[in-house]
Amino acid sequence: MKKLDELNRVTQKLAQLLEQPVTVKNREQVLNEINQFLDQRENLLKDIKPPYSETDAKTAQSIMEKDKEIQLKLDHLFLELKSELRDVKRQKSSSEKYLDPYRHVASNDGTYWDKKK
């Protein structure tokens, strides 16, 4: 089946892409490529229809095994990005507190309220 072979090829390319280290410099490019491959795979999966031959079944089995590996790597990448975002937010908050430490302090502290007329 031609669509199944194409799906296998795209899956292999996605797996190879996820093997590469993701750095700050190439992160956006890698994420865009991952999204493109995932979109291609989604479209190919929609187009694949039964009946399957025995070779197609073997190809599908190898795709499913590779898909499990891909899912683990995507989860790992997601956790890395999540922790980096958390660190950036923490650093931003820390620098804001350092620059203006009294921003959230109540302004009525220490004032005298005279109720007499």
PDB file of N, CA and C in Angstrom:
ATOM      1  N   MET A   1       0.833  -1.172   0.000  1.00  0.00           N
ATOM      2  CA  MET A   1       0.000   0.000   0.000  1.00  0.00           C
ATOM      3  C   MET A   1       0.880   1.238   0.000  1.00  0.00           C
ATOM      4  N   LYS A   2       0.645   2.127  -0.913  1.00  0.00           N
ATOM      5  CA  LYS A   2       1.515   3.286  -1.064  1.00  0.00           C
ATOM      6  C   LYS A   2       1.388   4.251   0.118  1.00  0.00           C
ATOM      7  N   LYS A   3       0.193   4.463   0.625  1.00  0.00           N
ATOM      8  CA  LYS A   3      -0.011   5.385   1.746  1.00  0.00           C
ATOM      9  C   LYS A   3       0.681   4.874   3.012  1.00  0.00           C
ATOM     10  N   LEU A   4       0.652   3.572   3.195  1.00  0.00           N
ATOM     11  CA  LEU A   4       1.288   2.985   4.369  1.00  0.00           C
ATOM     12  C   LEU A   4       2.809   3.138   4.289  1.00  0.00           C
ATOM     13  N   ASP A   5       3.372   2.982   3.108  1.00  0.00           N
ATOM     14  CA  ASP A   5       4.811   3.189   2.932  1.00  0.00           C
ATOM     15  C   ASP A   5       5.189   4.646   3.171  1.00  0.00           C
ATOM     16  N   GLU A   6       4.341   5.542   2.711  1.00  0.00           N
ATOM     17  CA  GLU A   6       4.577   6.971   2.931  1.00  0.00           C
ATOM     18  C   GLU A   6       4.496   7.296   4.430  1.00  0.00           C
ATOM     19  N   LEU A   7       3.537   6.695   5.118  1.00  0.00           N
ATOM     20  CA  LEU A   7       3.412   6.887   6.561  1.00  0.00           C
ATOM     21  C   LEU A   7       4.655   6.355   7.283  1.00  0.00           C
ATOM     22  N   ASN A   8       5.159   5.230   6.841  1.00  0.00           N
ATOM     23  CA  ASN A   8       6.370   4.662   7.429  1.00  0.00           C
ATOM     24  C   ASN A   8       7.558   5.600   7.214  1.00  0.00           C
ATOM     25  N   ARG A   9       7.663   6.170   6.038  1.00  0.00           N
ATOM     26  CA  ARG A   9       8.761   7.097   5.730  1.00  0.00           C
ATOM     27  C   ARG A   9       8.683   8.341   6.610  1.00  0.00           C
ATOM     28  N   VAL A  10       7.489   8.915   6.741  1.00  0.00           N
ATOM     29  CA  VAL A  10       7.314  10.116   7.564  1.00  0.00           C
ATOM     30  C   VAL A  10       7.588   9.798   9.029  1.00  0.00           C
ATOM     31  N   THR A  11       7.163   8.622   9.475  1.00  0.00           N
ATOM     32  CA  THR A  11       7.415   8.208  10.858  1.00  0.00           C
ATOM     33  C   THR A  11       8.913   8.069  11.114  1.00  0.00           C
ATOM     34  N   GLN A  12       9.631   7.480  10.171  1.00  0.00           N
ATOM     35  CA  GLN A  12      11.085   7.341  10.315  1.00  0.00           C
ATOM     36  C   GLN A  12      11.764   8.711  10.378  1.00  0.00           C
ATOM     37  N   LYS A  13      11.328   9.639   9.529  1.00  0.00           N
ATOM     38  CA  LYS A  13      11.923  10.983   9.541  1.00  0.00           C
ATOM     39  C   LYS A  13      11.641  11.697  10.861  1.00  0.00           C
ATOM     40  N   LEU A  14      10.429  11.530  11.376  1.00  0.00           N
ATOM     41  CA  LEU A  14      10.087  12.150  12.654  1.00  0.00           C
ATOM     42  C   LEU A  14      10.936  11.565  13.783  1.00  0.00           C
ATOM     43  N   ALA A  15      11.129  10.271  13.762  1.00  0.00           N
ATOM     44  CA  ALA A  15      11.962   9.624  14.785  1.00  0.00           C
ATOM     45  C   ALA A  15      13.403  10.128  14.707  1.00  0.00           C
ATOM     46  N   GLN A  16      13.919  10.290  13.490  1.00  0.00           N
ATOM     47  CA  GLN A  16      15.280  10.811  13.323  1.00  0.00           C
ATOM     48  C   GLN A  16      15.382  12.243  13.832  1.00  0.00           C
ATOM     49  N   LEU A  17      14.363  13.029  13.564  1.00  0.00           N
ATOM     50  CA  LEU A  17      14.358  14.417  14.021  1.00  0.00           C
ATOM     51  C   LEU A  17      14.360  14.496  15.543  1.00  0.00           C
ATOM     52  N   LEU A  18      13.627  13.606  16.173  1.00  0.00           N
ATOM     53  CA  LEU A  18      13.567  13.612  17.633  1.00  0.00           C
ATOM     54  C   LEU A  18      14.845  13.086  18.275  1.00  0.00           C
ATOM     55  N   GLU A  19      15.675  12.392  17.518  1.00  0.00           N
ATOM     56  CA  GLU A  19      16.961  11.919  18.030  1.00  0.00           C
ATOM     57  C   GLU A  19      17.946  13.070  18.189  1.00  0.00           C
ATOM     58  N   GLN A  20      17.771  14.126  17.389  1.00  0.00           N
ATOM     59  CA  GLN A  20      18.696  15.253  17.430  1.00  0.00           C
ATOM     60  C   GLN A  20      18.480  16.054  18.712  1.00  0.00           C
ATOM     61  N   PRO A  21      19.568  16.600  19.262  1.00  0.00           N
ATOM     62  CA  PRO A  21      19.406  17.429  20.459  1.00  0.00           C
ATOM     63  C   PRO A  21      18.733  18.758  20.109  1.00  0.00           C
ATOM     64  N   VAL A  22      17.860  19.215  20.985  1.00  0.00           N
ATOM     65  CA  VAL A  22      17.161  20.479  20.780  1.00  0.00           C
ATOM     66  C   VAL A  22      17.856  21.534  21.624  1.00  0.00           C
ATOM     67  N   THR A  23      18.387  22.550  20.955  1.00  0.00           N
ATOM     68  CA  THR A  23      19.061  23.634  21.652  1.00  0.00           C
ATOM     69  C   THR A  23      18.197  24.885  21.576  1.00  0.00           C
ATOM     70  N   VAL A  24      18.631  25.904  22.278  1.00  0.00           N
ATOM     71  CA  VAL A  24      17.893  27.164  22.279  1.00  0.00           C
ATOM     72  C   VAL A  24      17.874  27.762  20.874  1.00  0.00           C
ATOM     73  N   LYS A  25      18.968  27.594  20.147  1.00  0.00           N
ATOM     74  CA  LYS A  25      19.077  28.195  18.814  1.00  0.00           C
ATOM     75  C   LYS A  25      18.180  27.521  17.781  1.00  0.00           C
ATOM     76  N   ASN A  26      18.054  26.196  17.857  1.00  0.00           N
ATOM     77  CA  ASN A  26      17.292  25.495  16.818  1.00  0.00           C
ATOM     78  C   ASN A  26      15.921  25.030  17.290  1.00  0.00           C
ATOM     79  N   ARG A  27      15.509  25.437  18.470  1.00  0.00           N
ATOM     80  CA  ARG A  27      14.254  24.947  19.051  1.00  0.00           C
ATOM     81  C   ARG A  27      13.043  25.257  18.177  1.00  0.00           C
ATOM     82  N   GLU A  28      12.914  26.482  17.722  1.00  0.00           N
ATOM     83  CA  GLU A  28      11.740  26.868  16.937  1.00  0.00           C
ATOM     84  C   GLU A  28      11.671  26.096  15.623  1.00  0.00           C
ATOM     85  N   GLN A  29      12.813  25.948  14.975  1.00  0.00           N
ATOM     86  CA  GLN A  29      12.862  25.206  13.715  1.00  0.00           C
ATOM     87  C   GLN A  29      12.477  23.738  13.938  1.00  0.00           C
ATOM     88  N   VAL A  30      13.018  23.133  14.980  1.00  0.00           N
ATOM     89  CA  VAL A  30      12.721  21.726  15.266  1.00  0.00           C
ATOM     90  C   VAL A  30      11.237  21.548  15.589  1.00  0.00           C
ATOM     91  N   LEU A  31      10.667  22.448  16.384  1.00  0.00           N
ATOM     92  CA  LEU A  31       9.246  22.344  16.727  1.00  0.00           C
ATOM     93  C   LEU A  31       8.362  22.505  15.492  1.00  0.00           C
ATOM     94  N   ASN A  32       8.744  23.409  14.594  1.00  0.00           N
ATOM     95  CA  ASN A  32       7.976  23.566  13.350  1.00  0.00           C
ATOM     96  C   ASN A  32       8.041  22.301  12.499  1.00  0.00           C
ATOM     97  N   GLU A  33       9.218  21.711  12.402  1.00  0.00           N
ATOM     98  CA  GLU A  33       9.363  20.474  11.626  1.00  0.00           C
ATOM     99  C   GLU A  33       8.560  19.333  12.261  1.00  0.00           C
ATOM    100  N   ILE A  34       8.591  19.250  13.581  1.00  0.00           N
ATOM    101  CA  ILE A  34       7.817  18.217  14.275  1.00  0.00           C
ATOM    102  C   ILE A  34       6.330  18.385  13.972  1.00  0.00           C
ATOM    103  N   ASN A  35       5.849  19.620  14.035  1.00  0.00           N
ATOM    104  CA  ASN A  35       4.437  19.873  13.739  1.00  0.00           C
ATOM    105  C   ASN A  35       4.090  19.500  12.299  1.00  0.00           C
ATOM    106  N   GLN A  36       4.992  19.800  11.376  1.00  0.00           N
ATOM    107  CA  GLN A  36       4.746  19.434   9.971  1.00  0.00           C
ATOM    108  C   GLN A  36       4.652  17.923   9.810  1.00  0.00           C
ATOM    109  N   PHE A  37       5.581  17.194  10.425  1.00  0.00           N
ATOM    110  CA  PHE A  37       5.553  15.732  10.330  1.00  0.00           C
ATOM    111  C   PHE A  37       4.295  15.157  10.978  1.00  0.00           C
ATOM    112  N   LEU A  38       3.904  15.714  12.108  1.00  0.00           N
ATOM    113  CA  LEU A  38       2.697  15.226  12.774  1.00  0.00           C
ATOM    114  C   LEU A  38       1.452  15.494  11.930  1.00  0.00           C
ATOM    115  N   ASP A  39       1.405  16.651  11.271  1.00  0.00           N
ATOM    116  CA  ASP A  39       0.279  16.942  10.381  1.00  0.00           C
ATOM    117  C   ASP A  39       0.252  15.989   9.190  1.00  0.00           C
ATOM    118  N   GLN A  40       1.430  15.712   8.625  1.00  0.00           N
ATOM    119  CA  GLN A  40       1.508  14.768   7.506  1.00  0.00           C
ATOM    120  C   GLN A  40       1.032  13.385   7.947  1.00  0.00           C
ATOM    121  N   ARG A  41       1.475  12.966   9.111  1.00  0.00           N
ATOM    122  CA  ARG A  41       1.065  11.647   9.616  1.00  0.00           C
ATOM    123  C   ARG A  41      -0.438  11.591   9.848  1.00  0.00           C
ATOM    124  N   GLU A  42      -1.000  12.658  10.371  1.00  0.00           N
ATOM    125  CA  GLU A  42      -2.440  12.690  10.608  1.00  0.00           C
ATOM    126  C   GLU A  42      -3.213  12.542   9.298  1.00  0.00           C
ATOM    127  N   ASN A  43      -2.775  13.268   8.280  1.00  0.00           N
ATOM    128  CA  ASN A  43      -3.443  13.180   6.975  1.00  0.00           C
ATOM    129  C   ASN A  43      -3.297  11.786   6.364  1.00  0.00           C
ATOM    130  N   LEU A  44      -2.119  11.202   6.491  1.00  0.00           N
ATOM    131  CA  LEU A  44      -1.905   9.866   5.942  1.00  0.00           C
ATOM    132  C   LEU A  44      -2.728   8.817   6.688  1.00  0.00           C
ATOM    133  N   LEU A  45      -2.838   8.963   7.991  1.00  0.00           N
ATOM    134  CA  LEU A  45      -3.630   8.005   8.767  1.00  0.00           C
ATOM    135  C   LEU A  45      -5.107   8.047   8.374  1.00  0.00           C
ATOM    136  N   LYS A  46      -5.591   9.235   8.026  1.00  0.00           N
ATOM    137  CA  LYS A  46      -6.981   9.357   7.590  1.00  0.00           C
ATOM    138  C   LYS A  46      -7.211   8.646   6.254  1.00  0.00           C
ATOM    139  N   ASP A  47      -6.181   8.635   5.401  1.00  0.00           N
ATOM    140  CA  ASP A  47      -6.318   8.074   4.050  1.00  0.00           C
ATOM    141  C   ASP A  47      -6.147   6.562   3.999  1.00  0.00           C
ATOM    142  N   ILE A  48      -5.601   5.965   5.039  1.00  0.00           N
ATOM    143  CA  ILE A  48      -5.345   4.524   5.012  1.00  0.00           C
ATOM    144  C   ILE A  48      -6.637   3.773   5.309  1.00  0.00           C
ATOM    145  N   LYS A  49      -6.982   2.886   4.397  1.00  0.00           N
ATOM    146  CA  LYS A  49      -8.221   2.106   4.518  1.00  0.00           C
ATOM    147  C   LYS A  49      -7.904   0.619   4.355  1.00  0.00           C
ATOM    148  N   PRO A  50      -8.664  -0.261   5.028  1.00  0.00           N
ATOM    149  CA  PRO A  50      -8.491  -1.698   4.830  1.00  0.00           C
ATOM    150  C   PRO A  50      -9.004  -2.105   3.453  1.00  0.00           C
ATOM    151  N   PRO A  51      -8.730  -3.218   2.919  1.00  0.00           N
ATOM    152  CA  PRO A  51      -8.083  -4.403   3.481  1.00  0.00           C
ATOM    153  C   PRO A  51      -6.557  -4.285   3.427  1.00  0.00           C
ATOM    154  N   TYR A  52      -5.919  -4.986   4.342  1.00  0.00           N
ATOM    155  CA  TYR A  52      -4.473  -4.968   4.453  1.00  0.00           C
ATOM    156  C   TYR A  52      -3.908  -6.318   4.038  1.00  0.00           C
ATOM    157  N   SER A  53      -2.747  -6.283   3.403  1.00  0.00           N
ATOM    158  CA  SER A  53      -2.048  -7.536   3.098  1.00  0.00           C
ATOM    159  C   SER A  53      -1.149  -7.875   4.283  1.00  0.00           C
ATOM    160  N   GLU A  54      -0.465  -9.009   4.204  1.00  0.00           N
ATOM    161  CA  GLU A  54       0.406  -9.421   5.304  1.00  0.00           C
ATOM    162  C   GLU A  54       1.600  -8.483   5.431  1.00  0.00           C
ATOM    163  N   THR A  55       2.146  -8.027   4.324  1.00  0.00           N
ATOM    164  CA  THR A  55       3.273  -7.087   4.389  1.00  0.00           C
ATOM    165  C   THR A  55       2.831  -5.750   4.956  1.00  0.00           C
ATOM    166  N   ASP A  56       1.590  -5.348   4.621  1.00  0.00           N
ATOM    167  CA  ASP A  56       1.070  -4.108   5.179  1.00  0.00           C
ATOM    168  C   ASP A  56       0.908  -4.228   6.690  1.00  0.00           C
ATOM    169  N   ALA A  57       0.507  -5.381   7.151  1.00  0.00           N
ATOM    170  CA  ALA A  57       0.341  -5.601   8.587  1.00  0.00           C
ATOM    171  C   ALA A  57       1.688  -5.512   9.298  1.00  0.00           C
ATOM    172  N   LYS A  58       2.732  -6.071   8.684  1.00  0.00           N
ATOM    173  CA  LYS A  58       4.063  -5.989   9.282  1.00  0.00           C
ATOM    174  C   LYS A  58       4.553  -4.539   9.307  1.00  0.00           C
ATOM    175  N   THR A  59       4.310  -3.813   8.224  1.00  0.00           N
ATOM    176  CA  THR A  59       4.695  -2.404   8.169  1.00  0.00           C
ATOM    177  C   THR A  59       3.939  -1.608   9.228  1.00  0.00           C
ATOM    178  N   ALA A  60       2.654  -1.892   9.363  1.00  0.00           N
ATOM    179  CA  ALA A  60       1.845  -1.194  10.368  1.00  0.00           C
ATOM    180  C   ALA A  60       2.345  -1.499  11.779  1.00  0.00           C
ATOM    181  N   GLN A  61       2.749  -2.739  12.006  1.00  0.00           N
ATOM    182  CA  GLN A  61       3.277  -3.109  13.327  1.00  0.00           C
ATOM    183  C   GLN A  61       4.563  -2.346  13.631  1.00  0.00           C
ATOM    184  N   SER A  62       5.446  -2.218  12.637  1.00  0.00           N
ATOM    185  CA  SER A  62       6.689  -1.471  12.860  1.00  0.00           C
ATOM    186  C   SER A  62       6.405   0.008  13.079  1.00  0.00           C
ATOM    187  N   ILE A  63       5.390   0.533  12.390  1.00  0.00           N
ATOM    188  CA  ILE A  63       5.001   1.933  12.587  1.00  0.00           C
ATOM    189  C   ILE A  63       4.479   2.129  14.003  1.00  0.00           C
ATOM    190  N   MET A  64       3.685   1.190  14.488  1.00  0.00           N
ATOM    191  CA  MET A  64       3.133   1.308  15.841  1.00  0.00           C
ATOM    192  C   MET A  64       4.231   1.248  16.902  1.00  0.00           C
ATOM    193  N   GLU A  65       5.232   0.401  16.686  1.00  0.00           N
ATOM    194  CA  GLU A  65       6.352   0.328  17.629  1.00  0.00           C
ATOM    195  C   GLU A  65       7.136   1.630  17.625  1.00  0.00           C
ATOM    196  N   LYS A  66       7.381   2.160  16.436  1.00  0.00           N
ATOM    197  CA  LYS A  66       8.111   3.418  16.312  1.00  0.00           C
ATOM    198  C   LYS A  66       7.292   4.561  16.917  1.00  0.00           C
ATOM    199  N   ASP A  67       5.983   4.460  16.794  1.00  0.00           N
ATOM    200  CA  ASP A  67       5.101   5.498  17.338  1.00  0.00           C
ATOM    201  C   ASP A  67       5.203   5.571  18.858  1.00  0.00           C
ATOM    202  N   LYS A  68       5.357   4.436  19.508  1.00  0.00           N
ATOM    203  CA  LYS A  68       5.525   4.424  20.967  1.00  0.00           C
ATOM    204  C   LYS A  68       6.807   5.157  21.360  1.00  0.00           C
ATOM    205  N   GLU A  69       7.882   4.908  20.615  1.00  0.00           N
ATOM    206  CA  GLU A  69       9.147   5.597  20.881  1.00  0.00           C
ATOM    207  C   GLU A  69       8.996   7.099  20.660  1.00  0.00           C
ATOM    208  N   ILE A  70       8.320   7.450  19.575  1.00  0.00           N
ATOM    209  CA  ILE A  70       8.113   8.863  19.253  1.00  0.00           C
ATOM    210  C   ILE A  70       7.318   9.539  20.359  1.00  0.00           C
ATOM    211  N   GLN A  71       6.291   8.869  20.859  1.00  0.00           N
ATOM    212  CA  GLN A  71       5.458   9.445  21.914  1.00  0.00           C
ATOM    213  C   GLN A  71       6.271   9.700  23.178  1.00  0.00           C
ATOM    214  N   LEU A  72       7.143   8.775  23.531  1.00  0.00           N
ATOM    215  CA  LEU A  72       7.999   8.967  24.709  1.00  0.00           C
ATOM    216  C   LEU A  72       8.934  10.157  24.523  1.00  0.00           C
ATOM    217  N   LYS A  73       9.510  10.269  23.333  1.00  0.00           N
ATOM    218  CA  LYS A  73      10.424  11.384  23.068  1.00  0.00           C
ATOM    219  C   LYS A  73       9.691  12.715  23.047  1.00  0.00           C
ATOM    220  N   LEU A  74       8.472  12.734  22.510  1.00  0.00           N
ATOM    221  CA  LEU A  74       7.678  13.961  22.509  1.00  0.00           C
ATOM    222  C   LEU A  74       7.297  14.359  23.933  1.00  0.00           C
ATOM    223  N   ASP A  75       6.961  13.392  24.755  1.00  0.00           N
ATOM    224  CA  ASP A  75       6.647  13.683  26.154  1.00  0.00           C
ATOM    225  C   ASP A  75       7.864  14.272  26.869  1.00  0.00           C
ATOM    226  N   HIS A  76       9.024  13.686  26.606  1.00  0.00           N
ATOM    227  CA  HIS A  76      10.261  14.197  27.212  1.00  0.00           C
ATOM    228  C   HIS A  76      10.537  15.625  26.750  1.00  0.00           C
ATOM    229  N   LEU A  77      10.375  15.886  25.455  1.00  0.00           N
ATOM    230  CA  LEU A  77      10.587  17.230  24.910  1.00  0.00           C
ATOM    231  C   LEU A  77       9.604  18.210  25.535  1.00  0.00           C
ATOM    232  N   PHE A  78       8.351  17.798  25.690  1.00  0.00           N
ATOM    233  CA  PHE A  78       7.341  18.656  26.300  1.00  0.00           C
ATOM    234  C   PHE A  78       7.720  18.998  27.739  1.00  0.00           C
ATOM    235  N   LEU A  79       8.192  18.019  28.485  1.00  0.00           N
ATOM    236  CA  LEU A  79       8.587  18.280  29.871  1.00  0.00           C
ATOM    237  C   LEU A  79       9.785  19.227  29.948  1.00  0.00           C
ATOM    238  N   GLU A  80      10.721  19.086  29.020  1.00  0.00           N
ATOM    239  CA  GLU A  80      11.864  19.999  28.982  1.00  0.00           C
ATOM    240  C   GLU A  80      11.405  21.431  28.720  1.00  0.00           C
ATOM    241  N   LEU A  81      10.532  21.592  27.738  1.00  0.00           N
ATOM    242  CA  LEU A  81      10.041  22.927  27.420  1.00  0.00           C
ATOM    243  C   LEU A  81       9.242  23.516  28.582  1.00  0.00           C
ATOM    244  N   LYS A  82       8.469  22.681  29.234  1.00  0.00           N
ATOM    245  CA  LYS A  82       7.669  23.123  30.368  1.00  0.00           C
ATOM    246  C   LYS A  82       8.567  23.611  31.505  1.00  0.00           C
ATOM    247  N   SER A  83       9.638  22.876  31.781  1.00  0.00           N
ATOM    248  CA  SER A  83      10.540  23.293  32.854  1.00  0.00           C
ATOM    249  C   SER A  83      11.297  24.563  32.478  1.00  0.00           C
ATOM    250  N   GLU A  84      11.657  24.707  31.212  1.00  0.00           N
ATOM    251  CA  GLU A  84      12.325  25.940  30.778  1.00  0.00           C
ATOM    252  C   GLU A  84      11.397  27.138  30.911  1.00  0.00           C
ATOM    253  N   LEU A  85      10.132  26.976  30.548  1.00  0.00           N
ATOM    254  CA  LEU A  85       9.173  28.068  30.710  1.00  0.00           C
ATOM    255  C   LEU A  85       8.998  28.424  32.182  1.00  0.00           C
ATOM    256  N   ARG A  86       8.939  27.420  33.025  1.00  0.00           N
ATOM    257  CA  ARG A  86       8.808  27.657  34.463  1.00  0.00           C
ATOM    258  C   ARG A  86      10.021  28.426  34.976  1.00  0.00           C
ATOM    259  N   ASP A  87      11.209  28.055  34.526  1.00  0.00           N
ATOM    260  CA  ASP A  87      12.427  28.749  34.953  1.00  0.00           C
ATOM    261  C   ASP A  87      12.437  30.199  34.479  1.00  0.00           C
ATOM    262  N   VAL A  88      11.990  30.433  33.247  1.00  0.00           N
ATOM    263  CA  VAL A  88      11.953  31.804  32.713  1.00  0.00           C
ATOM    264  C   VAL A  88      10.967  32.647  33.509  1.00  0.00           C
ATOM    265  N   LYS A  89       9.806  32.094  33.821  1.00  0.00           N
ATOM    266  CA  LYS A  89       8.825  32.843  34.614  1.00  0.00           C
ATOM    267  C   LYS A  89       9.361  33.144  36.008  1.00  0.00           C
ATOM    268  N   ARG A  90      10.031  32.160  36.601  1.00  0.00           N
ATOM    269  CA  ARG A  90      10.607  32.355  37.930  1.00  0.00           C
ATOM    270  C   ARG A  90      11.684  33.438  37.891  1.00  0.00           C
ATOM    271  N   GLN A  91      12.503  33.417  36.850  1.00  0.00           N
ATOM    272  CA  GLN A  91      13.563  34.406  36.729  1.00  0.00           C
ATOM    273  C   GLN A  91      12.969  35.803  36.516  1.00  0.00           C
ATOM    274  N   LYS A  92      11.918  35.895  35.718  1.00  0.00           N
ATOM    275  CA  LYS A  92      11.267  37.178  35.471  1.00  0.00           C
ATOM    276  C   LYS A  92      10.667  37.720  36.758  1.00  0.00           C
ATOM    277  N   SER A  93       9.980  36.861  37.495  1.00  0.00           N
ATOM    278  CA  SER A  93       9.374  37.266  38.762  1.00  0.00           C
ATOM    279  C   SER A  93      10.443  37.703  39.754  1.00  0.00           C
ATOM    280  N   SER A  94      11.524  36.968  39.805  1.00  0.00           N
ATOM    281  CA  SER A  94      12.616  37.291  40.712  1.00  0.00           C
ATOM    282  C   SER A  94      13.230  38.649  40.383  1.00  0.00           C
ATOM    283  N   SER A  95      13.447  38.916  39.105  1.00  0.00           N
ATOM    284  CA  SER A  95      14.049  40.197  38.725  1.00  0.00           C
ATOM    285  C   SER A  95      13.084  41.353  38.970  1.00  0.00           C
ATOM    286  N   GLU A  96      11.776  41.132  38.778  1.00  0.00           N
ATOM    287  CA  GLU A  96      10.800  42.184  39.069  1.00  0.00           C
ATOM    288  C   GLU A  96      10.763  42.493  40.557  1.00  0.00           C
ATOM    289  N   LYS A  97      10.828  41.458  41.394  1.00  0.00           N
ATOM    290  CA  LYS A  97      10.834  41.667  42.840  1.00  0.00           C
ATOM    291  C   LYS A  97      12.100  42.389  43.277  1.00  0.00           C
ATOM    292  N   TYR A  98      13.199  42.133  42.600  1.00  0.00           N
ATOM    293  CA  TYR A  98      14.457  42.785  42.946  1.00  0.00           C
ATOM    294  C   TYR A  98      14.405  44.257  42.565  1.00  0.00           C
ATOM    295  N   LEU A  99      13.823  44.559  41.396  1.00  0.00           N
ATOM    296  CA  LEU A  99      13.793  45.942  40.932  1.00  0.00           C
ATOM    297  C   LEU A  99      12.787  46.789  41.703  1.00  0.00           C
ATOM    298  N   ASP A 100      11.654  46.220  42.100  1.00  0.00           N
ATOM    299  CA  ASP A 100      10.627  46.969  42.807  1.00  0.00           C
ATOM    300  C   ASP A 100      10.081  46.123  43.964  1.00  0.00           C
ATOM    301  N   PRO A 101      10.825  46.059  45.081  1.00  0.00           N
ATOM    302  CA  PRO A 101      10.434  45.157  46.164  1.00  0.00           C
ATOM    303  C   PRO A 101       9.192  45.605  46.944  1.00  0.00           C
ATOM    304  N   TYR A 102       8.793  46.869  46.835  1.00  0.00           N
ATOM    305  CA  TYR A 102       7.689  47.379  47.645  1.00  0.00           C
ATOM    306  C   TYR A 102       6.407  47.586  46.843  1.00  0.00           C
ATOM    307  N   ARG A 103       6.317  46.979  45.690  1.00  0.00           N
ATOM    308  CA  ARG A 103       5.149  47.175  44.840  1.00  0.00           C
ATOM    309  C   ARG A 103       3.883  46.614  45.486  1.00  0.00           C
ATOM    310  N   HIS A 104       3.959  45.475  46.116  1.00  0.00           N
ATOM    311  CA  HIS A 104       2.766  44.817  46.638  1.00  0.00           C
ATOM    312  C   HIS A 104       2.536  45.079  48.132  1.00  0.00           C
ATOM    313  N   VAL A 105       3.239  46.033  48.671  1.00  0.00           N
ATOM    314  CA  VAL A 105       3.056  46.365  50.078  1.00  0.00           C
ATOM    315  C   VAL A 105       1.852  47.302  50.194  1.00  0.00           C
ATOM    316  N   ALA A 106       1.029  47.091  51.207  1.00  0.00           N
ATOM    317  CA  ALA A 106      -0.152  47.931  51.398  1.00  0.00           C
ATOM    318  C   ALA A 106       0.275  49.373  51.645  1.00  0.00           C
ATOM    319  N   SER A 107      -0.427  50.322  51.052  1.00  0.00           N
ATOM    320  CA  SER A 107      -0.035  51.726  51.155  1.00  0.00           C
ATOM    321  C   SER A 107      -0.593  52.403  52.410  1.00  0.00           C
ATOM    322  N   ASN A 108      -1.509  51.777  53.136  1.00  0.00           N
ATOM    323  CA  ASN A 108      -2.109  52.393  54.314  1.00  0.00           C
ATOM    324  C   ASN A 108      -1.338  52.086  55.595  1.00  0.00           C
ATOM    325  N   ASP A 109      -0.287  51.344  55.543  1.00  0.00           N
ATOM    326  CA  ASP A 109       0.470  51.006  56.748  1.00  0.00           C
ATOM    327  C   ASP A 109       1.099  52.252  57.348  1.00  0.00           C
ATOM    328  N   GLY A 110       0.939  52.394  58.653  1.00  0.00           N
ATOM    329  CA  GLY A 110       1.622  53.460  59.378  1.00  0.00           C
ATOM    330  C   GLY A 110       0.976  54.823  59.269  1.00  0.00           C
ATOM    331  N   THR A 111      -0.184  54.908  58.690  1.00  0.00           N
ATOM    332  CA  THR A 111      -0.820  56.222  58.602  1.00  0.00           C
ATOM    333  C   THR A 111      -1.778  56.394  59.762  1.00  0.00           C
ATOM    334  N   TYR A 112      -1.984  57.626  60.147  1.00  0.00           N
ATOM    335  CA  TYR A 112      -2.860  57.954  61.255  1.00  0.00           C
ATOM    336  C   TYR A 112      -4.168  58.468  60.693  1.00  0.00           C
ATOM    337  N   TRP A 113      -5.264  57.906  61.148  1.00  0.00           N
ATOM    338  CA  TRP A 113      -6.582  58.332  60.692  1.00  0.00           C
ATOM    339  C   TRP A 113      -7.252  59.118  61.816  1.00  0.00           C
ATOM    340  N   ASP A 114      -7.488  60.382  61.568  1.00  0.00           N
ATOM    341  CA  ASP A 114      -8.108  61.263  62.567  1.00  0.00           C
ATOM    342  C   ASP A 114      -9.610  61.264  62.334  1.00  0.00           C
ATOM    343  N   LYS A 115     -10.365  60.844  63.358  1.00  0.00           N
ATOM    344  CA  LYS A 115     -11.814  60.782  63.215  1.00  0.00           C
ATOM    345  C   LYS A 115     -12.503  61.984  63.830  1.00  0.00           C
ATOM    346  N   LYS A 116     -11.766  62.855  64.481  1.00  0.00           N
ATOM    347  CA  LYS A 116     -12.374  64.036  65.109  1.00  0.00           C
ATOM    348  C   LYS A 116     -12.665  65.092  64.054  1.00  0.00           C
ATOM    349  N   LYS A 117     -13.693  65.915  64.377  1.00  0.00           N
ATOM    350  CA  LYS A 117     -14.021  67.017  63.465  1.00  0.00           C
ATOM    351  C   LYS A 117     -13.767  68.329  64.094  1.00  0.00           C
TER     352      LYS A 117
END
